[in-house]
Structure formats: C-alpha cells, structure tokens
N, C-alpha and C. Protein backbone atom coordinates (compact mmCIF):
# COMPACT_ATOMS: atom_id res chain seq x y z
N MET A 1 -26.22 -6.02 -32.79
CA MET A 1 -25.34 -6.35 -31.70
C MET A 1 -25.74 -7.72 -31.10
N ALA A 2 -24.81 -8.62 -30.84
CA ALA A 2 -25.10 -9.91 -30.29
C ALA A 2 -25.48 -9.78 -28.81
N PRO A 3 -26.23 -10.70 -28.29
CA PRO A 3 -26.64 -10.62 -26.87
C PRO A 3 -25.40 -10.77 -25.99
N THR A 4 -25.45 -10.16 -24.83
CA THR A 4 -24.39 -10.19 -23.87
C THR A 4 -24.39 -11.52 -23.15
N PRO A 5 -23.30 -12.30 -23.22
CA PRO A 5 -23.22 -13.57 -22.53
C PRO A 5 -23.29 -13.35 -21.01
N THR A 6 -23.97 -14.23 -20.32
CA THR A 6 -24.01 -14.14 -18.86
C THR A 6 -23.57 -15.43 -18.22
N PHE A 7 -22.90 -15.31 -17.13
CA PHE A 7 -22.46 -16.49 -16.32
C PHE A 7 -22.89 -16.23 -14.90
N GLY A 8 -23.86 -16.94 -14.44
CA GLY A 8 -24.40 -16.73 -13.11
C GLY A 8 -25.08 -15.34 -13.08
N ARG A 9 -24.57 -14.46 -12.30
CA ARG A 9 -25.11 -13.15 -12.19
C ARG A 9 -24.20 -12.05 -12.78
N ILE A 10 -23.23 -12.46 -13.55
CA ILE A 10 -22.27 -11.52 -14.12
C ILE A 10 -22.53 -11.40 -15.64
N ALA A 11 -22.67 -10.22 -16.12
CA ALA A 11 -22.79 -10.01 -17.57
C ALA A 11 -21.46 -9.51 -18.11
N LEU A 12 -21.00 -10.10 -19.18
CA LEU A 12 -19.71 -9.77 -19.75
C LEU A 12 -19.94 -8.93 -20.99
N ARG A 13 -19.18 -7.85 -21.15
CA ARG A 13 -19.25 -7.00 -22.30
C ARG A 13 -17.84 -6.84 -22.90
N ALA A 14 -17.75 -6.86 -24.18
CA ALA A 14 -16.47 -6.65 -24.86
C ALA A 14 -15.97 -5.21 -24.63
N ASP A 15 -16.88 -4.24 -24.52
CA ASP A 15 -16.49 -2.86 -24.34
C ASP A 15 -17.37 -2.26 -23.25
N ASP A 16 -16.83 -2.00 -22.06
CA ASP A 16 -17.64 -1.48 -20.98
C ASP A 16 -18.04 -0.03 -21.15
N SER A 17 -17.63 0.61 -22.21
CA SER A 17 -18.06 2.02 -22.42
C SER A 17 -19.49 2.10 -22.91
N GLU A 18 -20.11 0.96 -23.22
CA GLU A 18 -21.52 0.94 -23.69
C GLU A 18 -22.49 1.26 -22.60
N ALA A 19 -22.19 0.95 -21.36
CA ALA A 19 -23.16 1.09 -20.26
C ALA A 19 -22.43 1.67 -19.02
N PRO A 20 -23.14 2.41 -18.19
CA PRO A 20 -22.54 2.91 -16.95
C PRO A 20 -22.34 1.74 -16.00
N ALA A 21 -21.46 1.92 -15.02
CA ALA A 21 -21.24 0.91 -14.03
C ALA A 21 -22.45 0.76 -13.17
N PRO A 22 -22.80 -0.44 -12.83
CA PRO A 22 -23.99 -0.66 -11.91
C PRO A 22 -23.70 -0.14 -10.53
N ALA A 23 -24.78 0.28 -9.83
CA ALA A 23 -24.64 0.72 -8.45
C ALA A 23 -24.56 -0.51 -7.56
N PRO A 24 -23.80 -0.43 -6.49
CA PRO A 24 -23.71 -1.63 -5.58
C PRO A 24 -25.05 -1.88 -4.91
N ALA A 25 -25.29 -3.11 -4.57
CA ALA A 25 -26.54 -3.56 -3.93
C ALA A 25 -26.50 -3.05 -2.47
N ASP A 26 -27.68 -2.69 -1.97
CA ASP A 26 -27.80 -2.24 -0.58
C ASP A 26 -27.41 -3.33 0.36
N GLY A 27 -26.51 -3.00 1.31
CA GLY A 27 -26.16 -3.99 2.33
C GLY A 27 -25.25 -5.14 1.86
N GLY A 28 -24.94 -5.16 0.56
CA GLY A 28 -24.12 -6.23 0.03
C GLY A 28 -22.69 -5.75 -0.10
N GLY A 29 -21.75 -6.64 -0.03
CA GLY A 29 -20.35 -6.33 -0.20
C GLY A 29 -20.02 -6.47 -1.68
N THR A 30 -19.21 -5.57 -2.17
CA THR A 30 -18.75 -5.64 -3.53
C THR A 30 -17.24 -5.45 -3.60
N SER A 31 -16.68 -5.91 -4.70
CA SER A 31 -15.30 -5.64 -4.93
C SER A 31 -15.14 -5.27 -6.42
N VAL A 32 -14.27 -4.33 -6.65
CA VAL A 32 -14.02 -3.84 -7.99
C VAL A 32 -12.55 -3.82 -8.24
N SER A 33 -12.11 -4.21 -9.37
CA SER A 33 -10.72 -4.16 -9.77
C SER A 33 -10.59 -3.89 -11.24
N GLU A 34 -9.52 -3.24 -11.61
CA GLU A 34 -9.26 -2.94 -13.02
C GLU A 34 -8.74 -4.21 -13.70
N VAL A 35 -9.17 -4.49 -14.89
CA VAL A 35 -8.70 -5.62 -15.66
C VAL A 35 -7.65 -5.11 -16.65
N PRO A 36 -6.45 -5.63 -16.63
CA PRO A 36 -5.45 -5.14 -17.60
C PRO A 36 -5.87 -5.49 -19.02
N PRO A 37 -5.72 -4.57 -19.97
CA PRO A 37 -6.12 -4.88 -21.32
C PRO A 37 -5.35 -6.00 -21.97
N ASP A 38 -4.11 -6.25 -21.52
CA ASP A 38 -3.29 -7.30 -22.11
C ASP A 38 -3.16 -8.45 -21.09
N PRO A 39 -3.73 -9.62 -21.40
CA PRO A 39 -3.65 -10.73 -20.47
C PRO A 39 -2.26 -11.20 -20.15
N SER A 40 -1.29 -10.95 -21.00
CA SER A 40 0.09 -11.35 -20.67
C SER A 40 0.63 -10.61 -19.46
N GLY A 41 0.06 -9.39 -19.21
CA GLY A 41 0.49 -8.65 -18.06
C GLY A 41 0.14 -9.36 -16.76
N VAL A 42 -0.99 -10.06 -16.77
CA VAL A 42 -1.41 -10.83 -15.60
C VAL A 42 -0.45 -11.97 -15.37
N GLN A 43 -0.09 -12.69 -16.41
CA GLN A 43 0.85 -13.78 -16.27
C GLN A 43 2.24 -13.29 -15.77
N GLU A 44 2.67 -12.12 -16.23
CA GLU A 44 3.93 -11.59 -15.79
C GLU A 44 3.86 -11.18 -14.34
N TYR A 45 2.74 -10.68 -13.89
CA TYR A 45 2.56 -10.20 -12.49
C TYR A 45 2.57 -11.41 -11.53
N TRP A 46 1.84 -12.43 -11.84
CA TRP A 46 1.68 -13.56 -10.94
C TRP A 46 2.83 -14.55 -11.10
N THR A 47 3.96 -14.13 -10.50
CA THR A 47 5.14 -14.98 -10.51
C THR A 47 4.93 -16.15 -9.55
N PRO A 48 5.71 -17.18 -9.63
CA PRO A 48 5.57 -18.30 -8.67
C PRO A 48 5.68 -17.84 -7.19
N GLU A 49 6.53 -16.89 -6.93
CA GLU A 49 6.67 -16.37 -5.58
C GLU A 49 5.40 -15.65 -5.11
N ARG A 50 4.83 -14.82 -6.00
CA ARG A 50 3.57 -14.15 -5.67
C ARG A 50 2.46 -15.13 -5.45
N MET A 51 2.34 -16.11 -6.30
CA MET A 51 1.31 -17.12 -6.13
C MET A 51 1.44 -17.87 -4.81
N GLU A 52 2.70 -18.16 -4.43
CA GLU A 52 2.91 -18.89 -3.16
C GLU A 52 2.53 -18.01 -1.93
N ASN A 53 2.72 -16.72 -2.05
CA ASN A 53 2.41 -15.82 -0.93
C ASN A 53 1.05 -15.19 -0.99
N ALA A 54 0.28 -15.50 -2.02
CA ALA A 54 -1.03 -14.93 -2.19
C ALA A 54 -2.01 -15.33 -1.14
N GLU A 55 -2.87 -14.48 -0.72
CA GLU A 55 -3.96 -14.81 0.28
C GLU A 55 -5.26 -14.61 -0.39
N PRO A 56 -6.22 -15.51 -0.16
CA PRO A 56 -7.54 -15.38 -0.79
C PRO A 56 -8.26 -14.11 -0.32
N ALA A 57 -9.03 -13.55 -1.21
CA ALA A 57 -9.83 -12.35 -0.91
C ALA A 57 -10.98 -12.79 0.02
N PRO A 58 -11.35 -11.95 0.99
CA PRO A 58 -12.44 -12.32 1.86
C PRO A 58 -13.73 -12.43 1.05
N MET A 59 -14.51 -13.49 1.29
CA MET A 59 -15.75 -13.69 0.60
C MET A 59 -16.82 -14.09 1.65
N GLU A 60 -18.04 -13.63 1.36
CA GLU A 60 -19.14 -14.05 2.22
C GLU A 60 -19.47 -15.49 1.97
N GLU A 61 -19.85 -16.20 3.02
CA GLU A 61 -20.21 -17.63 2.85
C GLU A 61 -21.70 -17.74 2.60
N ASP A 62 -22.09 -18.66 1.76
CA ASP A 62 -23.51 -18.90 1.46
C ASP A 62 -24.12 -19.59 2.67
N GLY A 63 -25.42 -19.36 2.90
CA GLY A 63 -26.09 -20.11 3.88
C GLY A 63 -26.48 -19.32 4.99
C-alpha cells in the first residue's frame, strides 16, 4: 500500500474504512461533514445563488 499523502495536519485516504475516525483534540474545536461520493453533486448543490448567500464557517484565529 502506498503511503498516505498529507497536507499540513490532514491525512487523506482513498478509503476511510481502513482506520477508525480520530478522537477530537481536548479543548479544540472540530468540524465534521460528509463528503459526497460524486463530486458533480457538489457542483450541482453550489448554485450561483447559494454561493452569493453563503456565509463562512466560524474559524479560530491564529495567534
């Protein structure tokens, strides 16, 4: 099996059934969302109207 590519602190797997989900860090905020298996579903969901009305997710600031 090829090594798992990493980007920053995120490890990407082609099949998430290989490992259990990690536990959230103590005191840290986390967000989890399902990823649609078909990327075209994302493009269909994010219509121009939805993009215009979208609000950014709350994120902690560094520093």
